[in-house]
Each structure stands twice: as structure tokens, then as C-alpha cells.
C-alpha atoms as a PDB file:
ATOM      1  CA  MET A   1       0.000   0.000   0.000  1.00  0.00           C
ATOM      2  CA  ARG A   2       1.334   3.418  -0.997  1.00  0.00           C
ATOM      3  CA  ILE A   3       0.425   6.186   1.432  1.00  0.00           C
ATOM      4  CA  LEU A   4       0.561   9.943   0.939  1.00  0.00           C
ATOM      5  CA  ALA A   5       0.965  11.810   4.239  1.00  0.00           C
ATOM      6  CA  ILE A   6       0.219  15.554   4.229  1.00  0.00           C
ATOM      7  CA  SER A   7       0.040  18.368   6.782  1.00  0.00           C
ATOM      8  CA  ASP A   8       0.327  22.077   7.549  1.00  0.00           C
ATOM      9  CA  GLU A   9       0.918  23.546   4.074  1.00  0.00           C
ATOM     10  CA  PRO A  10      -0.739  22.599   0.764  1.00  0.00           C
ATOM     11  CA  SER A  11       1.555  21.197  -1.901  1.00  0.00           C
ATOM     12  CA  ALA A  12       1.647  23.273  -5.080  1.00  0.00           C
ATOM     13  CA  ARG A  13       1.917  20.083  -7.115  1.00  0.00           C
ATOM     14  CA  LEU A  14      -1.108  18.519  -5.461  1.00  0.00           C
ATOM     15  CA  TRP A  15      -3.319  21.610  -5.444  1.00  0.00           C
ATOM     16  CA  GLY A  16      -3.087  22.197  -9.182  1.00  0.00           C
ATOM     17  CA  ASP A  17      -3.439  20.673 -12.635  1.00  0.00           C
ATOM     18  CA  GLN A  18      -0.812  17.989 -11.938  1.00  0.00           C
ATOM     19  CA  CYS A  19      -2.813  16.520  -9.070  1.00  0.00           C
ATOM     20  CA  ARG A  20      -4.243  13.496 -10.904  1.00  0.00           C
ATOM     21  CA  LYS A  21      -0.797  12.475 -12.168  1.00  0.00           C
ATOM     22  CA  ALA A  22       0.796  12.974  -8.747  1.00  0.00           C
ATOM     23  CA  LEU A  23      -1.820  10.772  -7.066  1.00  0.00           C
ATOM     24  CA  ALA A  24      -1.828   8.011  -9.679  1.00  0.00           C
ATOM     25  CA  ASP A  25      -0.078   5.403  -7.503  1.00  0.00           C
ATOM     26  CA  VAL A  26      -1.432   6.501  -4.104  1.00  0.00           C
ATOM     27  CA  ASP A  27      -3.717   4.069  -2.237  1.00  0.00           C
ATOM     28  CA  LEU A  28      -4.413   6.121   0.902  1.00  0.00           C
ATOM     29  CA  ILE A  29      -4.073   9.792   1.887  1.00  0.00           C
ATOM     30  CA  LEU A  30      -3.537  10.710   5.540  1.00  0.00           C
ATOM     31  CA  SER A  31      -3.823  14.330   6.659  1.00  0.00           C
ATOM     32  CA  ALA A  32      -2.093  15.197   9.939  1.00  0.00           C
ATOM     33  CA  GLY A  33      -3.898  18.520  10.246  1.00  0.00           C
ATOM     34  CA  ASP A  34      -3.735  22.280   9.687  1.00  0.00           C
ATOM     35  CA  LEU A  35      -4.787  22.105   6.049  1.00  0.00           C
ATOM     36  CA  PRO A  36      -7.650  23.949   4.330  1.00  0.00           C
ATOM     37  CA  SER A  37     -10.858  21.982   4.132  1.00  0.00           C
ATOM     38  CA  ALA A  38     -11.114  22.866   0.437  1.00  0.00           C
ATOM     39  CA  TYR A  39      -7.677  21.341  -0.189  1.00  0.00           C
ATOM     40  CA  LEU A  40      -8.664  17.955   1.218  1.00  0.00           C
ATOM     41  CA  SER A  41     -11.958  18.056  -0.694  1.00  0.00           C
ATOM     42  CA  PHE A  42     -10.057  18.929  -3.876  1.00  0.00           C
ATOM     43  CA  LEU A  43      -7.870  15.832  -3.530  1.00  0.00           C
ATOM     44  CA  THR A  44     -10.910  13.545  -3.426  1.00  0.00           C
ATOM     45  CA  CYS A  45     -11.851  14.703  -6.932  1.00  0.00           C
ATOM     46  CA  PHE A  46      -8.653  13.340  -8.479  1.00  0.00           C
ATOM     47  CA  THR A  47      -8.188   9.981  -6.806  1.00  0.00           C
ATOM     48  CA  SER A  48     -10.132   6.981  -5.602  1.00  0.00           C
ATOM     49  CA  ALA A  49      -7.815   6.750  -2.584  1.00  0.00           C
ATOM     50  CA  PRO A  50      -9.616   7.415   0.728  1.00  0.00           C
ATOM     51  CA  VAL A  51      -8.649  10.687   2.434  1.00  0.00           C
ATOM     52  CA  VAL A  52      -8.434  10.318   6.227  1.00  0.00           C
ATOM     53  CA  TYR A  53      -7.752  13.273   8.510  1.00  0.00           C
ATOM     54  CA  VAL A  54      -7.319  14.475  12.066  1.00  0.00           C
ATOM     55  CA  HIS A  55      -7.689  18.066  13.250  1.00  0.00           C
ATOM     56  CA  GLY A  56      -4.762  20.399  13.621  1.00  0.00           C
ATOM     57  CA  ASN A  57      -4.829  23.165  16.199  1.00  0.00           C
ATOM     58  CA  HIS A  58      -5.861  25.631  13.462  1.00  0.00           C
ATOM     59  CA  ASP A  59      -8.686  23.508  12.033  1.00  0.00           C
ATOM     60  CA  ASP A  60     -11.602  24.923  14.017  1.00  0.00           C
ATOM     61  CA  HIS A  61     -13.183  25.914  10.673  1.00  0.00           C
ATOM     62  CA  TYR A  62     -13.830  22.214  10.015  1.00  0.00           C
ATOM     63  CA  ALA A  63     -16.787  22.476  12.400  1.00  0.00           C
ATOM     64  CA  GLN A  64     -18.593  24.757   9.931  1.00  0.00           C
ATOM     65  CA  LYS A  65     -17.188  23.265   6.735  1.00  0.00           C
ATOM     66  CA  PRO A  66     -15.687  19.789   7.117  1.00  0.00           C
ATOM     67  CA  PRO A  67     -13.679  18.339   4.221  1.00  0.00           C
ATOM     68  CA  GLU A  68     -16.198  16.830   1.797  1.00  0.00           C
ATOM     69  CA  GLY A  69     -15.765  13.187   0.870  1.00  0.00           C
ATOM     70  CA  CYS A  70     -13.137  12.634   3.579  1.00  0.00           C
ATOM     71  CA  LEU A  71     -13.084  10.447   6.692  1.00  0.00           C
ATOM     72  CA  CYS A  72     -12.380  11.854  10.147  1.00  0.00           C
ATOM     73  CA  ALA A  73     -10.293   9.556  12.359  1.00  0.00           C
ATOM     74  CA  ASP A  74      -9.904  12.033  15.207  1.00  0.00           C
ATOM     75  CA  GLY A  75     -10.516  10.384  18.570  1.00  0.00           C
ATOM     76  CA  LYS A  76     -11.286   6.948  17.136  1.00  0.00           C
ATOM     77  CA  ILE A  77      -9.974   3.947  15.252  1.00  0.00           C
ATOM     78  CA  ILE A  78     -11.028   3.412  11.666  1.00  0.00           C
ATOM     79  CA  GLU A  79     -10.053   0.603   9.314  1.00  0.00           C
ATOM     80  CA  ILE A  80      -9.211   1.287   5.677  1.00  0.00           C
ATOM     81  CA  LYS A  81      -8.304  -1.583   3.365  1.00  0.00           C
ATOM     82  CA  GLY A  82      -7.375  -3.707   6.361  1.00  0.00           C
ATOM     83  CA  ILE A  83      -5.200  -0.981   7.928  1.00  0.00           C
ATOM     84  CA  ARG A  84      -6.205   0.170  11.432  1.00  0.00           C
ATOM     85  CA  ILE A  85      -5.706   3.918  11.910  1.00  0.00           C
ATOM     86  CA  LEU A  86      -5.831   5.569  15.335  1.00  0.00           C
ATOM     87  CA  GLY A  87      -6.338   9.327  15.097  1.00  0.00           C
ATOM     88  CA  LEU A  88      -5.449  11.839  17.808  1.00  0.00           C
ATOM     89  CA  GLY A  89      -5.536  15.382  16.471  1.00  0.00           C
ATOM     90  CA  GLY A  90      -4.844  18.689  18.148  1.00  0.00           C
ATOM     91  CA  SER A  91      -1.848  20.264  19.839  1.00  0.00           C
ATOM     92  CA  LEU A  92      -0.707  20.906  23.365  1.00  0.00           C
ATOM     93  CA  ARG A  93      -2.839  23.665  24.881  1.00  0.00           C
ATOM     94  CA  TYR A  94      -1.093  27.056  24.765  1.00  0.00           C
ATOM     95  CA  ARG A  95      -4.231  29.209  24.810  1.00  0.00           C
ATOM     96  CA  PRO A  96      -7.104  28.824  27.275  1.00  0.00           C
ATOM     97  CA  ASP A  97     -10.423  27.608  25.874  1.00  0.00           C
ATOM     98  CA  ALA A  98      -9.009  27.090  22.379  1.00  0.00           C
ATOM     99  CA  VAL A  99     -10.512  24.423  20.119  1.00  0.00           C
ATOM    100  CA  ASN A 100      -8.381  21.398  19.202  1.00  0.00           C
ATOM    101  CA  MET A 101      -5.884  22.020  21.995  1.00  0.00           C
ATOM    102  CA  TYR A 102      -5.365  19.727  24.982  1.00  0.00           C
ATOM    103  CA  THR A 103      -3.371  19.585  28.157  1.00  0.00           C
ATOM    104  CA  GLU A 104      -1.198  16.531  28.665  1.00  0.00           C
ATOM    105  CA  ARG A 105      -3.802  15.113  31.052  1.00  0.00           C
ATOM    106  CA  GLU A 106      -6.625  15.734  28.578  1.00  0.00           C
ATOM    107  CA  MET A 107      -4.767  13.856  25.853  1.00  0.00           C
ATOM    108  CA  GLU A 108      -4.110  11.008  28.274  1.00  0.00           C
ATOM    109  CA  SER A 109      -7.869  10.896  28.926  1.00  0.00           C
ATOM    110  CA  ARG A 110      -8.586  10.756  25.204  1.00  0.00           C
ATOM    111  CA  ILE A 111      -6.295   7.749  24.895  1.00  0.00           C
ATOM    112  CA  ALA A 112      -7.825   6.089  27.952  1.00  0.00           C
ATOM    113  CA  SER A 113     -11.305   6.460  26.457  1.00  0.00           C
ATOM    114  CA  LEU A 114     -10.173   4.318  23.501  1.00  0.00           C
ATOM    115  CA  ARG A 115      -9.145   1.281  25.551  1.00  0.00           C
ATOM    116  CA  ARG A 116     -12.294  -0.678  24.742  1.00  0.00           C
ATOM    117  CA  SER A 117     -11.917   0.046  21.032  1.00  0.00           C
ATOM    118  CA  LEU A 118      -8.259  -0.939  21.149  1.00  0.00           C
ATOM    119  CA  ARG A 119      -9.157  -4.250  22.767  1.00  0.00           C
ATOM    120  CA  ALA A 120     -11.783  -4.856  20.094  1.00  0.00           C
ATOM    121  CA  THR A 121      -9.403  -4.098  17.214  1.00  0.00           C
ATOM    122  CA  GLY A 122      -6.348  -5.716  18.772  1.00  0.00           C
ATOM    123  CA  GLY A 123      -4.377  -2.479  18.459  1.00  0.00           C
ATOM    124  CA  PHE A 124      -3.641  -0.278  15.467  1.00  0.00           C
ATOM    125  CA  ASP A 125      -1.249  -0.131  12.518  1.00  0.00           C
ATOM    126  CA  ILE A 126      -0.900   3.634  12.083  1.00  0.00           C
ATOM    127  CA  LEU A 127      -0.947   6.391  14.699  1.00  0.00           C
ATOM    128  CA  LEU A 128      -2.071   9.593  12.970  1.00  0.00           C
ATOM    129  CA  THR A 129      -1.617  12.720  15.088  1.00  0.00           C
ATOM    130  CA  HIS A 130      -1.118  16.426  14.585  1.00  0.00           C
ATOM    131  CA  ALA A 131       1.412  16.974  17.361  1.00  0.00           C
ATOM    132  CA  PRO A 132       4.667  15.025  17.662  1.00  0.00           C
ATOM    133  CA  ILE A 133       5.947  13.078  20.653  1.00  0.00           C
ATOM    134  CA  ARG A 134       7.454  15.255  23.365  1.00  0.00           C
ATOM    135  CA  GLY A 135      11.206  15.352  22.836  1.00  0.00           C
ATOM    136  CA  LEU A 136      11.144  13.828  19.346  1.00  0.00           C
ATOM    137  CA  GLY A 137      10.924  16.429  16.625  1.00  0.00           C
ATOM    138  CA  ASP A 138       9.052  19.013  18.679  1.00  0.00           C
ATOM    139  CA  ASP A 139      10.189  22.351  20.135  1.00  0.00           C
ATOM    140  CA  ASP A 140      10.561  23.887  23.585  1.00  0.00           C
ATOM    141  CA  HIS A 141       8.156  26.720  22.782  1.00  0.00           C
ATOM    142  CA  PRO A 142       4.757  25.976  24.382  1.00  0.00           C
ATOM    143  CA  SER A 143       2.959  26.202  21.026  1.00  0.00           C
ATOM    144  CA  HIS A 144       5.107  23.470  19.504  1.00  0.00           C
ATOM    145  CA  ARG A 145       5.680  20.988  22.306  1.00  0.00           C
ATOM    146  CA  GLY A 146       4.636  17.403  21.733  1.00  0.00           C
ATOM    147  CA  PHE A 147       2.708  15.039  23.993  1.00  0.00           C
ATOM    148  CA  GLU A 148       4.565  12.745  26.370  1.00  0.00           C
ATOM    149  CA  CYS A 149       1.671  10.257  26.412  1.00  0.00           C
ATOM    150  CA  PHE A 150       2.214   9.349  22.761  1.00  0.00           C
ATOM    151  CA  GLY A 151       5.417   7.546  23.737  1.00  0.00           C
ATOM    152  CA  PRO A 152       3.812   4.966  26.077  1.00  0.00           C
ATOM    153  CA  LEU A 153       1.041   4.464  23.502  1.00  0.00           C
ATOM    154  CA  LEU A 154       3.619   3.446  20.900  1.00  0.00           C
ATOM    155  CA  ASP A 155       5.463   1.282  23.417  1.00  0.00           C
ATOM    156  CA  ARG A 156       2.309  -0.629  24.277  1.00  0.00           C
ATOM    157  CA  TYR A 157       0.953  -1.268  20.771  1.00  0.00           C
ATOM    158  CA  HIS A 158       4.066  -0.900  18.589  1.00  0.00           C
ATOM    159  CA  PRO A 159       2.294   0.087  15.360  1.00  0.00           C
ATOM    160  CA  ALA A 160       3.892   0.035  11.932  1.00  0.00           C
ATOM    161  CA  VAL A 161       4.328   3.823  11.827  1.00  0.00           C
ATOM    162  CA  MET A 162       3.401   7.141  13.444  1.00  0.00           C
ATOM    163  CA  ILE A 163       2.585  10.150  11.274  1.00  0.00           C
ATOM    164  CA  HIS A 164       2.389  13.698  12.657  1.00  0.00           C
ATOM    165  CA  GLY A 165       2.486  17.310  11.508  1.00  0.00           C
ATOM    166  CA  HIS A 166       2.645  20.625  13.418  1.00  0.00           C
ATOM    167  CA  MET A 167       6.399  21.162  12.904  1.00  0.00           C
ATOM    168  CA  HIS A 168       6.769  22.841   9.506  1.00  0.00           C
ATOM    169  CA  GLN A 169       9.833  22.363   7.347  1.00  0.00           C
ATOM    170  CA  ALA A 170      10.395  26.131   7.429  1.00  0.00           C
ATOM    171  CA  TYR A 171      10.770  26.137  11.212  1.00  0.00           C
ATOM    172  CA  SER A 172      14.287  24.736  11.092  1.00  0.00           C
ATOM    173  CA  ALA A 173      17.245  24.592   8.738  1.00  0.00           C
ATOM    174  CA  PHE A 174      17.804  21.112  10.162  1.00  0.00           C
ATOM    175  CA  PHE A 175      14.346  19.734   9.401  1.00  0.00           C
ATOM    176  CA  GLN A 176      14.286  15.955   9.781  1.00  0.00           C
ATOM    177  CA  ARG A 177      11.612  14.008   7.929  1.00  0.00           C
ATOM    178  CA  GLN A 178      12.052  10.628   9.597  1.00  0.00           C
ATOM    179  CA  ARG A 179      12.857   9.627  13.128  1.00  0.00           C
ATOM    180  CA  GLU A 180      12.384   6.498  15.193  1.00  0.00           C
ATOM    181  CA  TYR A 181      10.842   5.880  18.584  1.00  0.00           C
ATOM    182  CA  HIS A 182      11.820   2.553  20.139  1.00  0.00           C
ATOM    183  CA  GLY A 183      11.730   0.802  16.782  1.00  0.00           C
ATOM    184  CA  VAL A 184       8.625   2.599  15.447  1.00  0.00           C
ATOM    185  CA  PRO A 185       9.236   4.847  12.410  1.00  0.00           C
ATOM    186  CA  VAL A 186       7.973   8.400  13.021  1.00  0.00           C
ATOM    187  CA  ILE A 187       7.278  10.580   9.972  1.00  0.00           C
ATOM    188  CA  ASN A 188       6.749  14.335   9.902  1.00  0.00           C
ATOM    189  CA  ALA A 189       4.224  14.791   7.094  1.00  0.00           C
ATOM    190  CA  SER A 190       4.933  18.526   6.644  1.00  0.00           C
ATOM    191  CA  THR A 191       3.591  19.500   3.191  1.00  0.00           C
ATOM    192  CA  SER A 192       3.727  15.962   1.737  1.00  0.00           C
ATOM    193  CA  TRP A 193       5.543  12.656   1.856  1.00  0.00           C
ATOM    194  CA  VAL A 194       4.927   9.286   0.222  1.00  0.00           C
ATOM    195  CA  PHE A 195       5.907   5.905   1.659  1.00  0.00           C
ATOM    196  CA  ASP A 196       5.024   2.270   1.116  1.00  0.00           C
ATOM    197  CA  LEU A 197       3.234   0.163   3.703  1.00  0.00           C
ATOM    198  CA  PRO A 198       2.999  -3.621   3.259  1.00  0.00           C
ATOM    199  CA  GLU A 199      -0.322  -4.700   1.719  1.00  0.00           C
ATOM    200  CA  THR A 200      -1.174  -7.151   4.511  1.00  0.00           C
ATOM    201  CA  PRO A 201       0.430  -6.174   7.837  1.00  0.00           C
ATOM    202  CA  ASN A 202       1.608  -9.132   9.913  1.00  0.00           C
ATOM    203  CA  ARG A 203       0.195  -8.058  13.249  1.00  0.00           C
ATOM    204  CA  LYS A 204       2.200 -10.665  15.147  1.00  0.00           C
ATOM    205  CA  GLU A 205       5.500  -9.143  14.058  1.00  0.00           C
ATOM    206  CA  PRO A 206       5.186  -5.347  14.296  1.00  0.00           C
ATOM    207  CA  SER A 207       8.901  -4.761  14.631  1.00  0.00           C
ATOM    208  CA  PHE A 208       9.401  -6.449  11.255  1.00  0.00           C
ATOM    209  CA  LEU A 209       6.872  -4.031   9.762  1.00  0.00           C
ATOM    210  CA  GLY A 210       8.747  -1.127  11.228  1.00  0.00           C
ATOM    211  CA  ARG A 211      11.902  -2.173   9.419  1.00  0.00           C
ATOM    212  CA  ARG A 212      10.114  -2.578   6.084  1.00  0.00           C
ATOM    213  CA  ILE A 213       7.886   0.484   6.092  1.00  0.00           C
ATOM    214  CA  LEU A 214      10.456   3.042   4.988  1.00  0.00           C
ATOM    215  CA  LYS A 215      11.892   0.826   2.280  1.00  0.00           C
ATOM    216  CA  LYS A 216      10.727   3.252  -0.374  1.00  0.00           C
ATOM    217  CA  ALA A 217       9.988   6.912   0.136  1.00  0.00           C
ATOM    218  CA  SER A 218       9.589  10.082  -1.870  1.00  0.00           C
ATOM    219  CA  ARG A 219       8.251  13.604  -1.554  1.00  0.00           C
ATOM    220  CA  PHE A 220       5.752  15.782  -3.384  1.00  0.00           C
ATOM    221  CA  GLU A 221       6.667  19.459  -3.626  1.00  0.00           C
END
């Protein structure tokens, strides 16, 4: 399965007349947040690949105009073509009463509320978030800190990959696309990134999946 991960800034190649060609080999599109609703809806017109999204901290407009033809995975587990996706959107709270922002404890509660679903599904294959893990590709500024609770979640279920956004390429001259957390590949989807996931994940050997997942990778500009 070929997956296109996107977040934070629309790709000029994807939001234009080359979109159909760019998406020709893509089987699944995952949005890690902070993208215009119209952009996600536009993508659905040029591909049969499902578009799955979580909310970024700037996506409060989705409440009035959600992305048409797309699937929201925020706060739940959805299965697409046999792939289990756990979505946890939003950022660490840096403004009181803001939408799509959570304290560390609030995010822990969101995860705890999914325990029954996780038992029913036997875990998940992809963790799709907006914010990164605390200390892994985030920043010390309150508006760009990650969540500590994402780490134990990965340790417990060891999915094939984690995809996040929030940290734009322009934020650092030393932008790093791929990292690893205890054997789990972690991808920053900023703008766009394509990678291959095995067609039929072997759920008994997640560490093997982790080694294979980044076998092929490329980027849309």
C-alpha cells in the first residue's frame, strides 16, 4: 500500500493541474492537520484513494465546513483496506479555551477512552496525530511541544508507523523528515511525503513491519 501523508501547508503540485498524475499510484491519503478543508476536498476529486484526517490546532473551521468526501479519524480507530488507523488530532494547549488544543492530562484521557476500542481491534497499525511526541521532533516553545503520552502508547501497541504534523519544514534549517521511537518509524508529514506500507500487515511481528515500512519513500513538492 502506498500512502501519501500531508500536513500544515498545501503542496503546489497537489493543489493544481498535476494533481491526478501525482496521485496516480497513491492508495491512501492521511492528513495530519492544519490544512484547508477545500484542499482535502479537492484531492478527493482526483483519486479513488480514501482521504483520512485528524484536526490540527488551526482547524476549528472544520466544524462549519468539514472536508467533503473525507473520513475523520480524530478520537477513534477506523479501518481502511485492512489498515487500522488511530487518530489523535490537536496540539498541546497554549491558549485557554481554544478548540483542538489539549493539556497533557486531557490527551491522556482521550487515549484512555479508547481502551475498549483498542481491545476490540487488537491495536492499530498507524498512529495519525497532529502533534509530535514530546522530545522527538518538537520544540521547547509551548505552542510546539509534543505530547509525552504518545510515547507509552507506541510502546504498548508498537504500530507500523506514526505520522504527525505541526512542525513545519520552514521552522528549522535542520528539518528531519524521519525519526524512530523505540523501533517505530515516526514521519513528519509537513507539506507531503509518500511511503510504502505492506499490503497485509503481519500483526504478530510489528517490529518487522517497522523495518520494512520506509523501504521506499519520496516527496511531493
